[in-house]
Amino acid sequence: MSVTASSEMTRMHEMSVQQGREMAELKAEVERQAAVIGRLVDLCAASDVDDDAVMAALEGKDE
C-alpha cells in the first residue's frame, strides 16, 4: 500500500471516530431534552400545575 493510500485511510478513520463522538454528543443532548419534555408532560398532567416547577423543568433543573 502506498504512503498516500495509507494516509488517506488514516484520515478517513479519524473522520469516522470524530463523527462517532459527535453522534454520541447529539444522542446525549436528545436524551436530555426528552427527559425535560417528560418532566413537562408529567407536570402538565398534574391537576395543580406549579409555575415554578414548569420553569425549572424548562431550564433543565430538577426540583
N, C-alpha and C. Protein backbone atom coordinates (compact mmCIF):
# COMPACT_ATOMS: atom_id res chain seq x y z
N MET A 1 0.86 -1.17 0.00
CA MET A 1 0.00 0.00 0.00
C MET A 1 0.91 1.23 0.00
N SER A 2 0.54 2.20 -0.78
CA SER A 2 1.36 3.41 -0.86
C SER A 2 1.16 4.27 0.38
N VAL A 3 2.11 5.17 0.58
CA VAL A 3 2.03 6.09 1.72
C VAL A 3 0.79 6.96 1.60
N THR A 4 0.48 7.39 0.37
CA THR A 4 -0.69 8.24 0.15
C THR A 4 -1.98 7.50 0.52
N ALA A 5 -2.10 6.25 0.10
CA ALA A 5 -3.29 5.46 0.42
C ALA A 5 -3.40 5.23 1.92
N SER A 6 -2.27 4.95 2.55
CA SER A 6 -2.27 4.74 3.99
C SER A 6 -2.67 6.02 4.73
N SER A 7 -2.15 7.15 4.28
CA SER A 7 -2.51 8.43 4.89
C SER A 7 -4.00 8.72 4.72
N GLU A 8 -4.52 8.40 3.55
CA GLU A 8 -5.95 8.63 3.28
C GLU A 8 -6.81 7.73 4.18
N MET A 9 -6.40 6.50 4.35
CA MET A 9 -7.15 5.59 5.22
C MET A 9 -7.11 6.07 6.67
N THR A 10 -5.96 6.56 7.11
CA THR A 10 -5.83 7.10 8.46
C THR A 10 -6.74 8.31 8.63
N ARG A 11 -6.75 9.19 7.64
CA ARG A 11 -7.59 10.39 7.70
C ARG A 11 -9.08 10.00 7.74
N MET A 12 -9.46 9.03 6.92
CA MET A 12 -10.86 8.59 6.91
C MET A 12 -11.24 7.97 8.25
N HIS A 13 -10.33 7.22 8.85
CA HIS A 13 -10.60 6.62 10.17
C HIS A 13 -10.78 7.71 11.21
N GLU A 14 -9.91 8.71 11.20
CA GLU A 14 -10.01 9.82 12.16
C GLU A 14 -11.34 10.57 11.99
N MET A 15 -11.76 10.77 10.74
CA MET A 15 -13.05 11.42 10.50
C MET A 15 -14.19 10.58 11.05
N SER A 16 -14.10 9.27 10.87
CA SER A 16 -15.14 8.37 11.37
C SER A 16 -15.22 8.41 12.89
N VAL A 17 -14.06 8.42 13.54
CA VAL A 17 -14.03 8.49 15.00
C VAL A 17 -14.65 9.81 15.47
N GLN A 18 -14.31 10.92 14.80
CA GLN A 18 -14.87 12.23 15.16
C GLN A 18 -16.38 12.23 14.97
N GLN A 19 -16.86 11.66 13.88
CA GLN A 19 -18.30 11.59 13.65
C GLN A 19 -18.98 10.76 14.73
N GLY A 20 -18.34 9.70 15.18
CA GLY A 20 -18.88 8.89 16.26
C GLY A 20 -19.01 9.69 17.54
N ARG A 21 -18.00 10.50 17.84
CA ARG A 21 -18.06 11.36 19.04
C ARG A 21 -19.21 12.36 18.93
N GLU A 22 -19.32 12.98 17.75
CA GLU A 22 -20.38 13.96 17.55
C GLU A 22 -21.76 13.33 17.68
N MET A 23 -21.91 12.12 17.15
CA MET A 23 -23.19 11.42 17.27
C MET A 23 -23.51 11.10 18.73
N ALA A 24 -22.50 10.71 19.49
CA ALA A 24 -22.71 10.42 20.91
C ALA A 24 -23.14 11.68 21.66
N GLU A 25 -22.53 12.82 21.32
CA GLU A 25 -22.91 14.09 21.94
C GLU A 25 -24.35 14.47 21.58
N LEU A 26 -24.70 14.30 20.31
CA LEU A 26 -26.07 14.60 19.88
C LEU A 26 -27.08 13.68 20.58
N LYS A 27 -26.73 12.40 20.70
CA LYS A 27 -27.62 11.46 21.38
C LYS A 27 -27.84 11.87 22.83
N ALA A 28 -26.77 12.27 23.50
CA ALA A 28 -26.89 12.70 24.89
C ALA A 28 -27.78 13.94 25.00
N GLU A 29 -27.65 14.87 24.07
CA GLU A 29 -28.47 16.08 24.08
C GLU A 29 -29.94 15.73 23.83
N VAL A 30 -30.20 14.84 22.90
CA VAL A 30 -31.59 14.43 22.62
C VAL A 30 -32.18 13.75 23.85
N GLU A 31 -31.40 12.90 24.52
CA GLU A 31 -31.89 12.23 25.73
C GLU A 31 -32.18 13.24 26.83
N ARG A 32 -31.33 14.27 26.95
CA ARG A 32 -31.55 15.31 27.96
C ARG A 32 -32.85 16.06 27.66
N GLN A 33 -33.04 16.41 26.40
CA GLN A 33 -34.25 17.13 26.02
C GLN A 33 -35.49 16.26 26.20
N ALA A 34 -35.38 14.98 25.92
CA ALA A 34 -36.51 14.07 26.12
C ALA A 34 -36.88 13.99 27.59
N ALA A 35 -35.88 14.01 28.46
CA ALA A 35 -36.16 13.98 29.90
C ALA A 35 -36.88 15.25 30.33
N VAL A 36 -36.46 16.40 29.80
CA VAL A 36 -37.13 17.66 30.12
C VAL A 36 -38.57 17.62 29.63
N ILE A 37 -38.79 17.14 28.42
CA ILE A 37 -40.15 17.05 27.88
C ILE A 37 -40.99 16.10 28.74
N GLY A 38 -40.39 15.00 29.16
CA GLY A 38 -41.11 14.06 30.03
C GLY A 38 -41.53 14.71 31.33
N ARG A 39 -40.64 15.51 31.92
CA ARG A 39 -40.99 16.21 33.16
C ARG A 39 -42.11 17.21 32.91
N LEU A 40 -42.05 17.90 31.77
CA LEU A 40 -43.11 18.87 31.45
C LEU A 40 -44.46 18.17 31.26
N VAL A 41 -44.45 17.04 30.59
CA VAL A 41 -45.69 16.28 30.41
C VAL A 41 -46.25 15.86 31.76
N ASP A 42 -45.38 15.37 32.64
CA ASP A 42 -45.83 14.97 33.98
C ASP A 42 -46.41 16.15 34.74
N LEU A 43 -45.75 17.31 34.64
CA LEU A 43 -46.24 18.50 35.34
C LEU A 43 -47.59 18.96 34.79
N CYS A 44 -47.71 18.93 33.47
CA CYS A 44 -48.97 19.38 32.86
C CYS A 44 -50.11 18.41 33.14
N ALA A 45 -49.78 17.14 33.35
CA ALA A 45 -50.81 16.15 33.65
C ALA A 45 -51.32 16.29 35.08
N ALA A 46 -50.53 16.93 35.92
CA ALA A 46 -50.93 17.12 37.32
C ALA A 46 -52.09 18.12 37.38
N SER A 47 -52.95 17.94 38.35
CA SER A 47 -54.11 18.82 38.46
C SER A 47 -53.74 20.22 38.92
N ASP A 48 -52.67 20.33 39.68
CA ASP A 48 -52.26 21.65 40.18
C ASP A 48 -50.85 21.97 39.66
N VAL A 49 -50.81 22.54 38.48
CA VAL A 49 -49.53 22.86 37.84
C VAL A 49 -48.87 24.02 38.57
N ASP A 50 -47.63 23.80 38.96
CA ASP A 50 -46.83 24.80 39.68
C ASP A 50 -45.96 25.54 38.66
N ASP A 51 -46.18 26.85 38.51
CA ASP A 51 -45.43 27.63 37.53
C ASP A 51 -43.93 27.53 37.75
N ASP A 52 -43.49 27.54 39.00
CA ASP A 52 -42.06 27.44 39.29
C ASP A 52 -41.50 26.09 38.85
N ALA A 53 -42.27 25.04 39.03
CA ALA A 53 -41.83 23.71 38.62
C ALA A 53 -41.73 23.62 37.10
N VAL A 54 -42.68 24.24 36.40
CA VAL A 54 -42.64 24.26 34.94
C VAL A 54 -41.40 25.01 34.46
N MET A 55 -41.12 26.17 35.04
CA MET A 55 -39.95 26.94 34.65
C MET A 55 -38.66 26.17 34.96
N ALA A 56 -38.61 25.50 36.09
CA ALA A 56 -37.42 24.72 36.44
C ALA A 56 -37.22 23.60 35.43
N ALA A 57 -38.30 22.96 35.01
CA ALA A 57 -38.19 21.89 34.02
C ALA A 57 -37.72 22.44 32.68
N LEU A 58 -38.24 23.60 32.29
CA LEU A 58 -37.81 24.22 31.03
C LEU A 58 -36.32 24.55 31.06
N GLU A 59 -35.83 24.91 32.22
CA GLU A 59 -34.42 25.26 32.37
C GLU A 59 -33.56 24.02 32.60
N GLY A 60 -34.19 22.85 32.67
CA GLY A 60 -33.44 21.61 32.84
C GLY A 60 -33.01 21.35 34.27
N LYS A 61 -33.69 21.95 35.22
CA LYS A 61 -33.34 21.77 36.63
C LYS A 61 -34.35 20.84 37.28
N ASP A 62 -33.87 20.00 38.15
CA ASP A 62 -34.77 19.16 38.94
C ASP A 62 -35.16 19.91 40.19
N GLU A 63 -36.36 19.68 40.62
CA GLU A 63 -36.80 20.31 41.87
C GLU A 63 -36.46 19.46 43.05
